């Protein structure tokens, strides 16, 4: 089982290249504009939360760029593992 790393400073065990899907990810986040900050909802009457801050989206992008940089791509998605991956043969990883 792998756990998604959101915006906190956690070293990933696995990084997946999401460069080709970055815009879709941002669109998916903004689809929930009642929960996340979007420019047209900044004057909302809803109470402020951690994820409704404009900084939250910037942290998400910064983390994706940092993880991407670690594997030589623009954007990466980091995951942590619950336990070690075991294989009988190294070629099982390909």
N, C-alpha and C. Protein backbone atom coordinates (compact mmCIF):
# COMPACT_ATOMS: atom_id res chain seq x y z
N UNK A 1 0.84 -1.15 0.00
CA UNK A 1 0.00 0.00 0.00
C UNK A 1 0.90 1.24 0.00
N UNK A 2 0.57 2.18 -0.85
CA UNK A 2 1.31 3.44 -0.93
C UNK A 2 0.41 4.58 -0.47
N UNK A 3 1.00 5.54 0.21
CA UNK A 3 0.26 6.68 0.71
C UNK A 3 0.69 7.94 -0.03
N UNK A 4 -0.28 8.70 -0.49
CA UNK A 4 -0.05 9.94 -1.21
C UNK A 4 0.50 11.00 -0.26
N UNK A 5 1.50 11.74 -0.72
CA UNK A 5 2.05 12.86 0.04
C UNK A 5 1.41 14.14 -0.49
N UNK A 6 0.74 14.86 0.39
CA UNK A 6 0.06 16.08 -0.05
C UNK A 6 1.04 17.24 -0.12
N UNK A 7 1.14 18.05 0.88
CA UNK A 7 2.01 19.21 0.82
C UNK A 7 3.04 19.24 1.95
N UNK A 8 3.04 18.26 2.80
CA UNK A 8 3.98 18.23 3.93
C UNK A 8 5.35 17.75 3.48
N UNK A 9 6.37 18.07 4.29
CA UNK A 9 7.73 17.66 3.98
C UNK A 9 7.94 16.23 4.44
N UNK A 10 7.74 15.31 3.53
CA UNK A 10 7.91 13.88 3.77
C UNK A 10 8.72 13.33 2.61
N UNK A 11 9.76 12.56 2.91
CA UNK A 11 10.58 11.97 1.85
C UNK A 11 9.80 10.83 1.20
N UNK A 12 9.64 10.86 -0.12
CA UNK A 12 8.89 9.80 -0.79
C UNK A 12 9.72 8.52 -0.96
N UNK A 13 9.04 7.40 -0.99
CA UNK A 13 9.67 6.13 -1.32
C UNK A 13 9.54 5.85 -2.81
N UNK A 14 8.59 6.53 -3.45
CA UNK A 14 8.30 6.33 -4.87
C UNK A 14 7.82 7.67 -5.43
N UNK A 15 8.32 8.04 -6.61
CA UNK A 15 7.86 9.26 -7.28
C UNK A 15 7.40 8.88 -8.68
N UNK A 16 6.20 9.32 -9.04
CA UNK A 16 5.62 9.03 -10.35
C UNK A 16 5.58 10.32 -11.16
N UNK A 17 6.00 10.26 -12.41
CA UNK A 17 5.96 11.41 -13.31
C UNK A 17 4.50 11.73 -13.64
N UNK A 18 4.04 12.92 -13.23
CA UNK A 18 2.67 13.34 -13.53
C UNK A 18 2.65 14.57 -14.43
N UNK A 19 3.77 14.86 -15.06
CA UNK A 19 3.88 16.06 -15.88
C UNK A 19 2.75 16.15 -16.92
N UNK A 20 2.48 15.07 -17.60
CA UNK A 20 1.44 15.08 -18.64
C UNK A 20 0.04 15.25 -18.06
N UNK A 21 -0.11 15.06 -16.76
CA UNK A 21 -1.44 15.11 -16.12
C UNK A 21 -1.59 16.29 -15.16
N UNK A 22 -0.58 17.15 -15.08
CA UNK A 22 -0.60 18.23 -14.10
C UNK A 22 -1.83 19.14 -14.25
N UNK A 23 -2.12 19.58 -15.46
CA UNK A 23 -3.26 20.49 -15.67
C UNK A 23 -4.58 19.83 -15.26
N UNK A 24 -4.72 18.54 -15.53
CA UNK A 24 -5.94 17.83 -15.13
C UNK A 24 -6.04 17.76 -13.60
N UNK A 25 -4.91 17.57 -12.95
CA UNK A 25 -4.91 17.54 -11.48
C UNK A 25 -5.37 18.88 -10.93
N UNK A 26 -4.85 19.98 -11.47
CA UNK A 26 -5.24 21.31 -11.03
C UNK A 26 -6.73 21.54 -11.28
N UNK A 27 -7.21 21.13 -12.44
CA UNK A 27 -8.64 21.26 -12.74
C UNK A 27 -9.48 20.45 -11.76
N UNK A 28 -9.02 19.27 -11.40
CA UNK A 28 -9.74 18.44 -10.44
C UNK A 28 -9.80 19.11 -9.06
N UNK A 29 -8.69 19.71 -8.66
CA UNK A 29 -8.68 20.44 -7.38
C UNK A 29 -9.66 21.59 -7.43
N UNK A 30 -9.63 22.38 -8.50
CA UNK A 30 -10.52 23.53 -8.61
C UNK A 30 -11.98 23.13 -8.81
N UNK A 31 -12.24 21.89 -9.18
CA UNK A 31 -13.63 21.43 -9.30
C UNK A 31 -14.32 21.45 -7.94
N UNK A 32 -13.54 21.40 -6.89
CA UNK A 32 -14.08 21.45 -5.53
C UNK A 32 -13.85 22.84 -4.95
N UNK A 33 -14.23 23.88 -5.71
CA UNK A 33 -13.91 25.25 -5.33
C UNK A 33 -14.57 25.70 -4.02
N UNK A 34 -15.51 24.96 -3.52
CA UNK A 34 -16.08 25.33 -2.22
C UNK A 34 -15.11 24.96 -1.09
N UNK A 35 -14.14 24.09 -1.38
CA UNK A 35 -13.18 23.67 -0.37
C UNK A 35 -11.81 24.30 -0.56
N UNK A 36 -11.42 24.56 -1.80
CA UNK A 36 -10.10 25.10 -2.11
C UNK A 36 -10.20 26.55 -2.54
N UNK A 37 -9.10 27.26 -2.42
CA UNK A 37 -9.06 28.65 -2.87
C UNK A 37 -9.06 28.70 -4.39
N UNK A 38 -9.94 29.51 -4.93
CA UNK A 38 -9.91 29.83 -6.36
C UNK A 38 -10.07 31.34 -6.45
N UNK A 39 -9.49 31.95 -7.46
CA UNK A 39 -9.55 33.42 -7.55
C UNK A 39 -10.97 33.98 -7.49
N UNK A 40 -11.96 33.30 -8.08
CA UNK A 40 -13.32 33.84 -8.10
C UNK A 40 -14.10 33.54 -6.82
N UNK A 41 -13.54 32.80 -5.88
CA UNK A 41 -14.24 32.53 -4.62
C UNK A 41 -13.50 33.11 -3.43
N UNK A 42 -12.54 33.99 -3.68
CA UNK A 42 -11.72 34.51 -2.58
C UNK A 42 -12.52 35.37 -1.60
N UNK A 43 -13.65 35.89 -2.02
CA UNK A 43 -14.47 36.68 -1.11
C UNK A 43 -15.66 35.89 -0.59
N UNK A 44 -15.52 34.60 -0.56
CA UNK A 44 -16.59 33.73 -0.11
C UNK A 44 -16.92 33.97 1.36
N UNK A 45 -18.15 33.69 1.72
CA UNK A 45 -18.58 33.81 3.12
C UNK A 45 -18.24 32.56 3.92
N UNK A 46 -17.66 31.54 3.26
CA UNK A 46 -17.30 30.31 3.94
C UNK A 46 -16.15 30.56 4.91
N UNK A 47 -16.08 29.80 6.01
CA UNK A 47 -14.96 29.98 6.94
C UNK A 47 -13.64 29.56 6.31
N UNK A 48 -12.57 30.25 6.68
CA UNK A 48 -11.24 29.92 6.16
C UNK A 48 -10.75 28.62 6.78
N UNK A 49 -10.11 27.79 5.96
CA UNK A 49 -9.52 26.54 6.42
C UNK A 49 -8.10 26.45 5.86
N UNK A 50 -7.36 25.46 6.30
CA UNK A 50 -6.00 25.27 5.80
C UNK A 50 -5.97 25.12 4.28
N UNK A 51 -6.88 24.33 3.73
CA UNK A 51 -6.85 24.09 2.28
C UNK A 51 -7.53 25.19 1.48
N UNK A 52 -8.23 26.11 2.14
CA UNK A 52 -8.84 27.21 1.40
C UNK A 52 -7.87 28.39 1.23
N UNK A 53 -6.71 28.31 1.84
CA UNK A 53 -5.70 29.36 1.71
C UNK A 53 -5.08 29.31 0.31
N UNK A 54 -4.80 30.47 -0.29
CA UNK A 54 -4.11 30.48 -1.60
C UNK A 54 -2.75 29.79 -1.52
N UNK A 55 -2.12 29.81 -0.35
CA UNK A 55 -0.82 29.16 -0.18
C UNK A 55 -0.90 27.65 -0.38
N UNK A 56 -2.02 27.04 -0.06
CA UNK A 56 -2.15 25.59 -0.16
C UNK A 56 -1.88 25.12 -1.59
N UNK A 57 -2.49 25.74 -2.56
CA UNK A 57 -2.29 25.35 -3.96
C UNK A 57 -0.84 25.57 -4.37
N UNK A 58 -0.25 26.66 -3.92
CA UNK A 58 1.16 26.90 -4.24
C UNK A 58 2.05 25.83 -3.62
N UNK A 59 1.74 25.39 -2.42
CA UNK A 59 2.51 24.31 -1.79
C UNK A 59 2.36 23.01 -2.57
N UNK A 60 1.16 22.72 -3.03
CA UNK A 60 0.93 21.51 -3.83
C UNK A 60 1.80 21.54 -5.09
N UNK A 61 1.81 22.68 -5.77
CA UNK A 61 2.62 22.79 -6.99
C UNK A 61 4.11 22.72 -6.67
N UNK A 62 4.53 23.40 -5.62
CA UNK A 62 5.94 23.38 -5.26
C UNK A 62 6.40 21.97 -4.92
N UNK A 63 5.59 21.24 -4.19
CA UNK A 63 5.94 19.86 -3.83
C UNK A 63 6.02 19.00 -5.09
N UNK A 64 5.07 19.17 -6.00
CA UNK A 64 5.09 18.39 -7.25
C UNK A 64 6.33 18.73 -8.08
N UNK A 65 6.71 19.98 -8.08
CA UNK A 65 7.92 20.38 -8.83
C UNK A 65 9.17 19.81 -8.16
N UNK A 66 9.20 19.83 -6.85
CA UNK A 66 10.36 19.28 -6.13
C UNK A 66 10.49 17.77 -6.39
N UNK A 67 9.39 17.06 -6.28
CA UNK A 67 9.43 15.62 -6.54
C UNK A 67 9.78 15.35 -8.00
N UNK A 68 9.22 16.14 -8.91
CA UNK A 68 9.55 15.98 -10.32
C UNK A 68 11.02 16.21 -10.58
N UNK A 69 11.56 17.25 -9.98
CA UNK A 69 12.98 17.55 -10.14
C UNK A 69 13.85 16.37 -9.69
N UNK A 70 13.42 15.69 -8.64
CA UNK A 70 14.21 14.57 -8.11
C UNK A 70 14.31 13.39 -9.09
N UNK A 71 13.38 13.32 -10.05
CA UNK A 71 13.45 12.23 -11.04
C UNK A 71 13.65 12.77 -12.46
N UNK A 72 13.96 14.06 -12.57
CA UNK A 72 14.28 14.63 -13.88
C UNK A 72 13.10 14.97 -14.75
N UNK A 73 11.94 15.29 -14.16
CA UNK A 73 10.76 15.68 -14.91
C UNK A 73 10.21 16.97 -14.30
N UNK A 74 9.17 17.54 -14.89
CA UNK A 74 8.62 18.80 -14.38
C UNK A 74 7.81 18.61 -13.11
N UNK A 75 6.89 17.65 -13.11
CA UNK A 75 6.03 17.41 -11.95
C UNK A 75 6.05 15.94 -11.56
N UNK A 76 6.12 15.69 -10.27
CA UNK A 76 6.09 14.32 -9.77
C UNK A 76 5.13 14.21 -8.61
N UNK A 77 4.60 13.02 -8.42
CA UNK A 77 3.71 12.72 -7.29
C UNK A 77 4.45 11.78 -6.38
N UNK A 78 4.60 12.17 -5.11
CA UNK A 78 5.33 11.34 -4.16
C UNK A 78 4.42 10.44 -3.35
N UNK A 79 4.94 9.26 -3.05
CA UNK A 79 4.20 8.28 -2.24
C UNK A 79 5.15 7.67 -1.22
N UNK A 80 4.60 7.31 -0.08
CA UNK A 80 5.36 6.56 0.91
C UNK A 80 4.78 5.16 0.96
N UNK A 81 5.61 4.23 1.41
CA UNK A 81 5.15 2.84 1.47
C UNK A 81 4.91 2.43 2.91
N UNK A 82 4.01 1.52 3.07
CA UNK A 82 3.71 1.02 4.40
C UNK A 82 4.72 -0.03 4.82
N UNK A 83 5.18 -0.80 3.85
CA UNK A 83 6.19 -1.83 4.13
C UNK A 83 7.08 -1.99 2.92
N UNK A 84 8.16 -2.68 3.07
CA UNK A 84 9.11 -2.85 1.97
C UNK A 84 8.54 -3.71 0.86
N UNK A 85 8.89 -3.35 -0.35
CA UNK A 85 8.51 -4.13 -1.52
C UNK A 85 9.44 -5.32 -1.63
N UNK A 86 8.91 -6.49 -1.79
CA UNK A 86 9.74 -7.69 -1.93
C UNK A 86 9.51 -8.36 -3.27
N UNK A 87 10.59 -8.73 -3.92
CA UNK A 87 10.50 -9.46 -5.19
C UNK A 87 11.45 -10.65 -5.14
N UNK A 88 11.12 -11.71 -5.87
CA UNK A 88 11.98 -12.88 -5.94
C UNK A 88 13.09 -12.71 -6.96
N UNK A 89 12.83 -11.84 -7.95
CA UNK A 89 13.76 -11.65 -9.05
C UNK A 89 13.79 -10.15 -9.37
N UNK A 90 14.96 -9.58 -9.52
CA UNK A 90 15.08 -8.16 -9.82
C UNK A 90 14.34 -7.78 -11.09
N UNK A 91 14.21 -8.69 -12.05
CA UNK A 91 13.52 -8.41 -13.30
C UNK A 91 12.01 -8.31 -13.11
N UNK A 92 11.50 -8.72 -11.96
CA UNK A 92 10.07 -8.55 -11.68
C UNK A 92 9.70 -7.07 -11.54
N UNK A 93 10.68 -6.21 -11.37
CA UNK A 93 10.42 -4.78 -11.24
C UNK A 93 10.21 -4.09 -12.57
N UNK A 94 10.53 -4.74 -13.67
CA UNK A 94 10.40 -4.10 -14.98
C UNK A 94 9.09 -4.48 -15.64
